[in-house]
């Protein structure tokens, strides 16, 4: 019964994170005009469907029943944009609340251990495992982003904008 309650508690705790996912953006260049447009998408997949663009793309008919939504076909560059989106979601939306819950559970267990050395050791191992897990997760993130930077598809943009930004050129061919 405790496991079912814990699983339901975690699901209800994390469900707002999925519902309130923020929209992400990337830039496309429309050829032959050479104009730059910002594409806004929600979810992980940044292409292969009708997406909002600003400003409107001249020479391309919008999706049915929409004003500024155009079909954006998938290109190899979208793989890197999708990887960036998934990594940001996991590291900035999922890991912090789960790590906080584990740290709180370990701290409460540590506090309630009292003179029981078995309970004290268990609480200590939970906290140690949580710290090691967070270090492994964020170290792997640094390795992946360093690799993407070395390959040339990511740039360091600072702490305010999500740390790394994908700079892969997405080009949309429009017939005049």
N, C-alpha and C. Protein backbone atom coordinates (compact mmCIF):
# COMPACT_ATOMS: atom_id res chain seq x y z
N UNK A 1 0.82 -1.20 0.00
CA UNK A 1 0.00 0.00 0.00
C UNK A 1 0.87 1.26 0.00
N UNK A 2 2.00 1.20 0.72
CA UNK A 2 2.87 2.36 0.78
C UNK A 2 3.47 2.66 -0.59
N UNK A 3 3.82 1.62 -1.35
CA UNK A 3 4.41 1.83 -2.66
C UNK A 3 3.40 2.46 -3.61
N UNK A 4 2.15 2.01 -3.57
CA UNK A 4 1.12 2.59 -4.42
C UNK A 4 0.91 4.06 -4.08
N UNK A 5 0.85 4.36 -2.78
CA UNK A 5 0.68 5.75 -2.36
C UNK A 5 1.86 6.60 -2.82
N UNK A 6 3.07 6.09 -2.69
CA UNK A 6 4.26 6.84 -3.11
C UNK A 6 4.26 7.08 -4.61
N UNK A 7 3.90 6.08 -5.39
CA UNK A 7 3.86 6.24 -6.85
C UNK A 7 2.81 7.26 -7.25
N UNK A 8 1.61 7.18 -6.66
CA UNK A 8 0.57 8.15 -6.97
C UNK A 8 0.97 9.56 -6.55
N UNK A 9 1.63 9.68 -5.40
CA UNK A 9 2.09 10.98 -4.92
C UNK A 9 3.09 11.60 -5.89
N UNK A 10 4.02 10.81 -6.37
CA UNK A 10 5.03 11.31 -7.31
C UNK A 10 4.38 11.70 -8.64
N UNK A 11 3.42 10.90 -9.12
CA UNK A 11 2.73 11.22 -10.37
C UNK A 11 1.98 12.54 -10.24
N UNK A 12 1.23 12.72 -9.14
CA UNK A 12 0.48 13.95 -8.95
C UNK A 12 1.41 15.14 -8.73
N UNK A 13 2.56 14.91 -8.13
CA UNK A 13 3.52 15.98 -7.91
C UNK A 13 4.15 16.43 -9.22
N UNK A 14 4.45 15.50 -10.11
CA UNK A 14 5.13 15.82 -11.36
C UNK A 14 4.18 16.17 -12.51
N UNK A 15 2.89 15.86 -12.40
CA UNK A 15 1.98 16.10 -13.52
C UNK A 15 1.88 17.57 -13.93
N UNK A 16 1.94 18.54 -13.03
CA UNK A 16 1.93 19.93 -13.51
C UNK A 16 3.15 20.27 -14.36
N UNK A 17 4.26 19.59 -14.15
CA UNK A 17 5.45 19.86 -14.94
C UNK A 17 5.23 19.53 -16.40
N UNK A 18 4.46 18.47 -16.66
CA UNK A 18 4.19 18.09 -18.04
C UNK A 18 3.14 19.02 -18.66
N UNK A 19 2.16 19.43 -17.87
CA UNK A 19 1.08 20.27 -18.38
C UNK A 19 1.55 21.69 -18.67
N UNK A 20 2.50 22.19 -17.91
CA UNK A 20 2.94 23.57 -18.05
C UNK A 20 4.26 23.68 -18.80
N UNK A 21 4.50 22.76 -19.71
CA UNK A 21 5.74 22.81 -20.48
C UNK A 21 5.77 24.07 -21.33
N UNK A 22 6.90 24.74 -21.32
CA UNK A 22 7.01 26.00 -22.05
C UNK A 22 7.27 25.76 -23.53
N UNK A 23 6.87 26.74 -24.31
CA UNK A 23 7.12 26.67 -25.74
C UNK A 23 8.59 26.99 -26.01
N UNK A 24 9.16 26.31 -26.98
CA UNK A 24 10.56 26.54 -27.36
C UNK A 24 10.58 27.14 -28.76
N UNK A 25 11.70 27.77 -29.09
CA UNK A 25 11.81 28.41 -30.40
C UNK A 25 13.14 28.05 -31.06
N UNK A 26 13.16 28.18 -32.37
CA UNK A 26 14.40 28.10 -33.15
C UNK A 26 14.20 28.93 -34.41
N UNK A 27 15.29 29.25 -35.08
CA UNK A 27 15.23 30.10 -36.28
C UNK A 27 15.35 29.27 -37.54
N UNK A 28 14.62 29.71 -38.57
CA UNK A 28 14.76 29.11 -39.89
C UNK A 28 15.06 30.23 -40.90
N UNK A 29 15.73 29.86 -41.97
CA UNK A 29 15.99 30.79 -43.06
C UNK A 29 15.19 30.31 -44.26
N UNK A 30 14.41 31.23 -44.83
CA UNK A 30 13.58 30.89 -45.99
C UNK A 30 14.34 31.28 -47.25
N UNK A 31 14.54 30.32 -48.13
CA UNK A 31 15.22 30.55 -49.41
C UNK A 31 14.18 30.62 -50.51
N UNK A 32 14.31 31.36 -51.53
CA UNK A 32 15.44 32.16 -51.96
C UNK A 32 15.47 33.56 -51.35
N UNK A 33 14.45 33.98 -50.61
CA UNK A 33 14.41 35.34 -50.08
C UNK A 33 15.52 35.61 -49.05
N UNK A 34 15.92 34.58 -48.31
CA UNK A 34 16.96 34.75 -47.30
C UNK A 34 16.46 35.38 -46.01
N UNK A 35 15.14 35.41 -45.83
CA UNK A 35 14.58 36.00 -44.61
C UNK A 35 14.66 35.02 -43.45
N UNK A 36 14.78 35.56 -42.25
CA UNK A 36 14.87 34.73 -41.04
C UNK A 36 13.54 34.78 -40.30
N UNK A 37 13.10 33.62 -39.82
CA UNK A 37 11.83 33.51 -39.12
C UNK A 37 12.04 32.70 -37.84
N UNK A 38 11.24 33.02 -36.83
CA UNK A 38 11.28 32.28 -35.58
C UNK A 38 10.14 31.28 -35.55
N UNK A 39 10.45 30.03 -35.30
CA UNK A 39 9.45 28.96 -35.22
C UNK A 39 9.24 28.62 -33.76
N UNK A 40 7.98 28.58 -33.34
CA UNK A 40 7.63 28.24 -31.96
C UNK A 40 6.97 26.87 -31.96
N UNK A 41 7.43 26.00 -31.05
CA UNK A 41 6.85 24.66 -30.96
C UNK A 41 6.73 24.24 -29.50
N UNK A 42 5.84 23.30 -29.26
CA UNK A 42 5.68 22.72 -27.93
C UNK A 42 5.94 21.23 -28.04
N UNK A 43 6.40 20.64 -26.96
CA UNK A 43 6.73 19.23 -26.98
C UNK A 43 8.18 19.02 -27.37
N UNK A 44 8.51 17.80 -27.77
CA UNK A 44 9.89 17.48 -28.10
C UNK A 44 10.18 17.58 -29.59
N UNK A 45 9.20 17.30 -30.44
CA UNK A 45 9.44 17.22 -31.89
C UNK A 45 9.26 18.61 -32.51
N UNK A 46 10.35 19.18 -33.06
CA UNK A 46 10.28 20.55 -33.58
C UNK A 46 9.94 20.66 -35.06
N UNK A 47 9.43 19.59 -35.67
CA UNK A 47 9.19 19.63 -37.11
C UNK A 47 8.15 18.59 -37.50
N UNK A 48 7.84 18.56 -38.81
CA UNK A 48 6.93 17.55 -39.33
C UNK A 48 5.47 17.81 -39.04
N UNK A 49 5.15 19.06 -38.71
CA UNK A 49 3.77 19.43 -38.42
C UNK A 49 3.61 20.93 -38.61
N UNK A 50 2.39 21.41 -38.44
CA UNK A 50 2.13 22.84 -38.57
C UNK A 50 2.59 23.56 -37.31
N UNK A 51 3.45 24.57 -37.49
CA UNK A 51 4.00 25.31 -36.36
C UNK A 51 3.85 26.80 -36.58
N UNK A 52 3.81 27.54 -35.49
CA UNK A 52 3.66 29.00 -35.54
C UNK A 52 4.99 29.62 -35.95
N UNK A 53 4.94 30.53 -36.92
CA UNK A 53 6.14 31.26 -37.33
C UNK A 53 5.89 32.75 -37.22
N UNK A 54 6.93 33.49 -36.91
CA UNK A 54 6.84 34.93 -36.85
C UNK A 54 8.09 35.50 -37.50
N UNK A 55 7.98 36.40 -38.41
CA UNK A 55 6.77 36.86 -39.11
C UNK A 55 6.26 35.78 -40.07
N UNK A 56 5.08 36.01 -40.66
CA UNK A 56 4.54 35.03 -41.61
C UNK A 56 5.50 34.79 -42.78
N UNK A 57 5.49 33.58 -43.30
CA UNK A 57 6.36 33.22 -44.42
C UNK A 57 5.64 33.53 -45.73
N UNK A 58 6.19 34.48 -46.47
CA UNK A 58 5.59 34.86 -47.76
C UNK A 58 5.91 33.80 -48.80
N UNK A 59 4.92 33.48 -49.62
CA UNK A 59 5.12 32.50 -50.67
C UNK A 59 4.79 31.08 -50.24
N UNK A 60 4.38 30.90 -49.01
CA UNK A 60 4.03 29.58 -48.50
C UNK A 60 2.62 29.67 -47.94
N UNK A 61 1.75 28.76 -48.35
CA UNK A 61 0.38 28.82 -47.87
C UNK A 61 0.30 28.25 -46.46
N UNK A 62 -0.45 28.93 -45.58
CA UNK A 62 -0.55 28.46 -44.19
C UNK A 62 -1.36 27.17 -44.10
N UNK A 63 -1.21 26.50 -42.96
CA UNK A 63 -1.98 25.28 -42.72
C UNK A 63 -3.46 25.63 -42.67
N UNK A 64 -4.29 24.67 -42.96
CA UNK A 64 -5.72 24.89 -43.05
C UNK A 64 -6.30 25.42 -41.73
N UNK A 65 -7.03 26.52 -41.82
CA UNK A 65 -7.71 27.08 -40.66
C UNK A 65 -6.81 27.85 -39.70
N UNK A 66 -5.60 28.20 -40.11
CA UNK A 66 -4.69 28.92 -39.23
C UNK A 66 -4.12 30.14 -39.95
N UNK A 67 -3.62 31.08 -39.18
CA UNK A 67 -3.07 32.30 -39.78
C UNK A 67 -1.56 32.21 -39.95
N UNK A 68 -0.84 32.01 -38.87
CA UNK A 68 0.62 32.03 -38.93
C UNK A 68 1.23 30.65 -38.71
N UNK A 69 0.50 29.59 -39.02
CA UNK A 69 1.05 28.25 -38.86
C UNK A 69 1.36 27.66 -40.24
N UNK A 70 2.59 27.16 -40.36
CA UNK A 70 3.05 26.59 -41.62
C UNK A 70 3.63 25.21 -41.35
N UNK A 71 3.53 24.33 -42.35
CA UNK A 71 4.11 23.00 -42.22
C UNK A 71 5.63 23.12 -42.35
N UNK A 72 6.35 22.67 -41.34
CA UNK A 72 7.81 22.71 -41.34
C UNK A 72 8.31 21.28 -41.50
N UNK A 73 8.88 20.93 -42.66
CA UNK A 73 9.38 19.57 -42.85
C UNK A 73 10.63 19.31 -42.02
N UNK A 74 10.83 18.05 -41.65
CA UNK A 74 11.98 17.68 -40.83
C UNK A 74 13.26 17.67 -41.66
N UNK A 75 14.34 18.10 -41.02
CA UNK A 75 15.68 18.11 -41.61
C UNK A 75 16.64 17.50 -40.60
N UNK A 76 17.84 17.12 -41.02
CA UNK A 76 18.79 16.52 -40.06
C UNK A 76 19.08 17.42 -38.86
N UNK A 77 19.06 18.71 -39.05
CA UNK A 77 19.33 19.65 -37.95
C UNK A 77 18.29 19.53 -36.83
N UNK A 78 17.08 19.14 -37.18
CA UNK A 78 16.04 19.02 -36.17
C UNK A 78 16.35 17.94 -35.13
N UNK A 79 17.19 16.98 -35.48
CA UNK A 79 17.59 15.95 -34.50
C UNK A 79 18.31 16.60 -33.33
N UNK A 80 19.22 17.53 -33.63
CA UNK A 80 19.96 18.20 -32.56
C UNK A 80 19.06 19.12 -31.75
N UNK A 81 18.11 19.77 -32.41
CA UNK A 81 17.16 20.63 -31.70
C UNK A 81 16.31 19.78 -30.77
N UNK A 82 15.88 18.59 -31.23
CA UNK A 82 15.08 17.70 -30.40
C UNK A 82 15.89 17.16 -29.22
N UNK A 83 17.15 16.79 -29.45
CA UNK A 83 18.01 16.31 -28.36
C UNK A 83 18.16 17.40 -27.30
N UNK A 84 18.38 18.64 -27.73
CA UNK A 84 18.50 19.75 -26.80
C UNK A 84 17.22 19.93 -25.99
N UNK A 85 16.09 19.81 -26.64
CA UNK A 85 14.80 19.96 -25.97
C UNK A 85 14.58 18.86 -24.92
N UNK A 86 14.92 17.63 -25.26
CA UNK A 86 14.76 16.51 -24.33
C UNK A 86 15.70 16.66 -23.14
N UNK A 87 16.95 17.02 -23.41
CA UNK A 87 17.93 17.18 -22.32
C UNK A 87 17.50 18.31 -21.39
N UNK A 88 17.07 19.44 -21.94
CA UNK A 88 16.61 20.55 -21.10
C UNK A 88 15.42 20.13 -20.24
N UNK A 89 14.48 19.38 -20.84
CA UNK A 89 13.30 18.96 -20.08
C UNK A 89 13.69 18.05 -18.92
N UNK A 90 14.55 17.08 -19.19
CA UNK A 90 14.95 16.15 -18.13
C UNK A 90 15.74 16.85 -17.04
N UNK A 91 16.73 17.65 -17.44
CA UNK A 91 17.63 18.24 -16.45
C UNK A 91 17.06 19.44 -15.72
N UNK A 92 16.17 20.18 -16.35
CA UNK A 92 15.65 21.38 -15.71
C UNK A 92 14.24 21.22 -15.18
N UNK A 93 13.52 20.18 -15.60
CA UNK A 93 12.14 20.01 -15.17
C UNK A 93 11.93 18.75 -14.34
N UNK A 94 12.56 17.66 -14.68
CA UNK A 94 12.33 16.38 -14.00
C UNK A 94 13.30 16.15 -12.85
N UNK A 95 14.60 16.31 -13.08
CA UNK A 95 15.61 15.96 -12.07
C UNK A 95 15.48 16.78 -10.78
N UNK A 96 15.34 18.12 -10.83
CA UNK A 96 15.31 18.87 -9.57
C UNK A 96 14.20 18.45 -8.60
N UNK A 97 12.93 18.27 -9.04
CA UNK A 97 11.92 17.85 -8.05
C UNK A 97 12.15 16.44 -7.51
N UNK A 98 12.60 15.52 -8.38
CA UNK A 98 12.86 14.16 -7.90
C UNK A 98 14.02 14.15 -6.92
N UNK A 99 15.09 14.89 -7.23
CA UNK A 99 16.23 14.96 -6.31
C UNK A 99 15.81 15.60 -4.99
N UNK A 100 14.96 16.61 -5.04
CA UNK A 100 14.47 17.26 -3.82
C UNK A 100 13.68 16.28 -2.97
N UNK A 101 12.81 15.51 -3.61
CA UNK A 101 12.02 14.51 -2.87
C UNK A 101 12.93 13.49 -2.21
N UNK A 102 13.94 13.02 -2.93
CA UNK A 102 14.86 12.03 -2.36
C UNK A 102 15.67 12.63 -1.22
N UNK A 103 16.13 13.87 -1.38
CA UNK A 103 16.87 14.53 -0.29
C UNK A 103 15.99 14.72 0.94
N UNK A 104 14.73 15.10 0.74
CA UNK A 104 13.81 15.27 1.87
C UNK A 104 13.55 13.93 2.55
N UNK A 105 13.30 12.89 1.75
CA UNK A 105 13.06 11.56 2.34
C UNK A 105 14.28 11.08 3.11
N UNK A 106 15.47 11.27 2.56
CA UNK A 106 16.69 10.88 3.26
C UNK A 106 16.91 11.70 4.52
N UNK A 107 16.62 12.99 4.45
CA UNK A 107 16.77 13.86 5.62
C UNK A 107 15.79 13.51 6.73
N UNK A 108 14.55 13.24 6.37
CA UNK A 108 13.55 12.84 7.38
C UNK A 108 13.95 11.50 7.99
N UNK A 109 14.37 10.57 7.17
CA UNK A 109 14.83 9.27 7.68
C UNK A 109 16.05 9.44 8.58
N UNK A 110 16.94 10.33 8.22
CA UNK A 110 18.13 10.63 9.02
C UNK A 110 17.72 11.21 10.37
N UNK A 111 16.75 12.11 10.35
CA UNK A 111 16.28 12.77 11.57
C UNK A 111 15.56 11.78 12.48
N UNK A 112 14.76 10.89 11.89
CA UNK A 112 13.97 9.94 12.68
C UNK A 112 14.76 8.70 13.09
N UNK A 113 15.99 8.55 12.63
CA UNK A 113 16.79 7.37 12.95
C UNK A 113 17.09 7.28 14.43
N UNK A 114 17.29 8.40 15.06
CA UNK A 114 17.57 8.40 16.50
C UNK A 114 18.81 7.59 16.81
N UNK A 115 18.66 6.63 17.73
CA UNK A 115 19.79 5.81 18.16
C UNK A 115 19.88 4.49 17.40
N UNK A 116 19.04 4.30 16.40
CA UNK A 116 19.03 3.07 15.62
C UNK A 116 20.12 3.14 14.54
N UNK A 117 21.23 2.41 14.71
CA UNK A 117 22.32 2.51 13.74
C UNK A 117 21.95 1.98 12.35
N UNK A 118 21.07 1.00 12.26
CA UNK A 118 20.65 0.46 10.96
C UNK A 118 19.87 1.51 10.16
N UNK A 119 18.96 2.19 10.83
CA UNK A 119 18.17 3.24 10.18
C UNK A 119 19.06 4.43 9.81
N UNK A 120 20.00 4.75 10.69
CA UNK A 120 20.94 5.84 10.42
C UNK A 120 21.79 5.53 9.18
N UNK A 121 22.27 4.30 9.08
CA UNK A 121 23.09 3.90 7.93
C UNK A 121 22.28 3.92 6.64
N UNK A 122 21.00 3.50 6.73
CA UNK A 122 20.13 3.51 5.55
C UNK A 122 19.89 4.94 5.07
N UNK A 123 19.63 5.85 6.01
CA UNK A 123 19.42 7.26 5.65
C UNK A 123 20.68 7.85 5.03
N UNK A 124 21.81 7.51 5.59
CA UNK A 124 23.09 8.01 5.07
C UNK A 124 23.32 7.49 3.65
N UNK A 125 22.99 6.22 3.40
CA UNK A 125 23.19 5.66 2.06
C UNK A 125 22.22 6.28 1.04
N UNK A 126 20.99 6.62 1.47
CA UNK A 126 20.04 7.28 0.57
C UNK A 126 20.57 8.65 0.16
N UNK A 127 21.05 9.42 1.13
CA UNK A 127 21.58 10.74 0.83
C UNK A 127 22.84 10.66 -0.05
N UNK A 128 23.70 9.70 0.24
CA UNK A 128 24.92 9.53 -0.56
C UNK A 128 24.56 9.13 -1.99
N UNK A 129 23.62 8.21 -2.15
CA UNK A 129 23.21 7.78 -3.49
C UNK A 129 22.57 8.94 -4.26
N UNK A 130 21.78 9.77 -3.57
CA UNK A 130 21.16 10.92 -4.23
C UNK A 130 22.21 11.91 -4.72
N UNK A 131 23.20 12.17 -3.90
CA UNK A 131 24.27 13.10 -4.30
C UNK A 131 25.05 12.53 -5.48
N UNK A 132 25.40 11.25 -5.41
CA UNK A 132 26.14 10.62 -6.51
C UNK A 132 25.31 10.63 -7.79
N UNK A 133 24.02 10.35 -7.68
CA UNK A 133 23.14 10.36 -8.85
C UNK A 133 23.06 11.72 -9.51
N UNK A 134 22.90 12.77 -8.71
CA UNK A 134 22.83 14.13 -9.26
C UNK A 134 24.16 14.51 -9.92
N UNK A 135 25.26 14.14 -9.29
CA UNK A 135 26.58 14.44 -9.87
C UNK A 135 26.75 13.70 -11.20
N UNK A 136 26.36 12.43 -11.27
CA UNK A 136 26.48 11.67 -12.52
C UNK A 136 25.60 12.28 -13.61
N UNK A 137 24.37 12.65 -13.28
CA UNK A 137 23.45 13.21 -14.27
C UNK A 137 23.99 14.50 -14.85
N UNK A 138 24.40 15.42 -13.99
CA UNK A 138 24.86 16.72 -14.50
C UNK A 138 26.25 16.65 -15.12
N UNK A 139 27.08 15.71 -14.69
CA UNK A 139 28.37 15.52 -15.35
C UNK A 139 28.17 14.97 -16.76
N UNK A 140 27.23 14.04 -16.92
CA UNK A 140 26.95 13.53 -18.26
C UNK A 140 26.39 14.63 -19.15
N UNK A 141 25.61 15.54 -18.57
CA UNK A 141 25.09 16.68 -19.32
C UNK A 141 26.24 17.56 -19.82
N UNK A 142 27.22 17.79 -18.96
CA UNK A 142 28.38 18.59 -19.36
C UNK A 142 29.13 17.90 -20.50
N UNK A 143 29.27 16.58 -20.41
CA UNK A 143 29.97 15.83 -21.47
C UNK A 143 29.21 15.92 -22.80
N UNK A 144 27.88 15.75 -22.76
CA UNK A 144 27.08 15.82 -23.99
C UNK A 144 27.16 17.22 -24.59
N UNK A 145 27.01 18.25 -23.77
CA UNK A 145 27.06 19.61 -24.31
C UNK A 145 28.45 19.98 -24.81
N UNK A 146 29.49 19.49 -24.16
CA UNK A 146 30.84 19.73 -24.65
C UNK A 146 31.04 19.05 -26.00
N UNK A 147 30.50 17.84 -26.15
CA UNK A 147 30.58 17.13 -27.43
C UNK A 147 29.82 17.89 -28.51
N UNK A 148 28.61 18.36 -28.20
CA UNK A 148 27.83 19.12 -29.18
C UNK A 148 28.55 20.42 -29.57
N UNK A 149 29.22 21.04 -28.61
CA UNK A 149 29.99 22.25 -28.91
C UNK A 149 31.19 21.92 -29.79
N UNK A 150 31.86 20.81 -29.50
CA UNK A 150 33.03 20.41 -30.30
C UNK A 150 32.63 20.06 -31.73
N UNK A 151 31.45 19.44 -31.89
CA UNK A 151 30.97 19.09 -33.23
C UNK A 151 30.58 20.36 -33.99
N UNK A 152 30.20 21.39 -33.25
CA UNK A 152 29.86 22.66 -33.88
C UNK A 152 28.38 22.94 -34.00
N UNK A 153 27.54 22.22 -33.27
CA UNK A 153 26.11 22.46 -33.36
C UNK A 153 25.55 23.18 -32.14
N UNK A 154 26.39 23.50 -31.15
CA UNK A 154 25.92 24.19 -29.96
C UNK A 154 26.87 25.32 -29.61
N UNK A 155 26.32 26.34 -28.97
CA UNK A 155 27.10 27.48 -28.50
C UNK A 155 26.79 27.72 -27.04
N UNK A 156 27.78 28.17 -26.29
CA UNK A 156 27.59 28.56 -24.91
C UNK A 156 26.94 29.93 -24.91
N UNK A 157 25.78 30.08 -24.25
CA UNK A 157 25.07 31.35 -24.23
C UNK A 157 24.95 31.93 -22.83
N UNK A 158 25.48 31.27 -21.83
CA UNK A 158 25.41 31.78 -20.46
C UNK A 158 24.31 31.12 -19.66
N UNK A 159 24.27 31.47 -18.40
CA UNK A 159 23.32 30.83 -17.48
C UNK A 159 21.89 31.31 -17.67
N UNK A 160 21.68 32.49 -18.20
CA UNK A 160 20.34 33.05 -18.30
C UNK A 160 19.47 32.45 -19.39
N UNK A 161 20.06 31.88 -20.43
CA UNK A 161 19.29 31.39 -21.57
C UNK A 161 19.29 29.87 -21.70
N UNK A 162 19.60 29.14 -20.67
CA UNK A 162 19.62 27.69 -20.78
C UNK A 162 21.01 27.13 -21.00
N UNK A 163 22.04 27.94 -20.89
CA UNK A 163 23.44 27.56 -20.93
C UNK A 163 23.96 27.26 -22.32
N UNK A 164 23.30 26.36 -23.05
CA UNK A 164 23.75 26.02 -24.39
C UNK A 164 22.61 26.24 -25.37
N UNK A 165 22.96 26.63 -26.59
CA UNK A 165 21.96 26.86 -27.62
C UNK A 165 22.41 26.15 -28.89
N UNK A 166 21.48 25.45 -29.53
CA UNK A 166 21.78 24.75 -30.77
C UNK A 166 21.85 25.77 -31.90
N UNK A 167 22.91 25.72 -32.71
CA UNK A 167 23.09 26.69 -33.80
C UNK A 167 23.09 26.01 -35.17
N UNK A 168 22.31 25.01 -35.32
CA UNK A 168 22.24 24.27 -36.57
C UNK A 168 21.33 25.04 -37.55
N UNK A 169 21.76 25.27 -38.79
CA UNK A 169 20.95 26.04 -39.73
C UNK A 169 19.79 25.22 -40.31
N UNK A 170 18.59 25.73 -40.13
CA UNK A 170 17.41 25.10 -40.72
C UNK A 170 16.98 25.99 -41.88
N UNK A 171 16.91 25.41 -43.07
CA UNK A 171 16.58 26.16 -44.28
C UNK A 171 15.29 25.61 -44.87
N UNK A 172 14.37 26.50 -45.20
CA UNK A 172 13.10 26.12 -45.81
C UNK A 172 13.07 26.67 -47.23
N UNK A 173 12.97 25.78 -48.20
CA UNK A 173 12.92 26.17 -49.61
C UNK A 173 11.49 26.50 -50.00
N UNK A 174 11.27 27.72 -50.50
CA UNK A 174 9.95 28.15 -50.95
C UNK A 174 10.07 28.52 -52.42
N UNK A 175 9.18 27.98 -53.24
CA UNK A 175 9.22 28.32 -54.66
C UNK A 175 8.56 29.67 -54.87
N UNK A 176 9.19 30.55 -55.65
CA UNK A 176 8.65 31.91 -55.85
C UNK A 176 7.37 31.94 -56.64
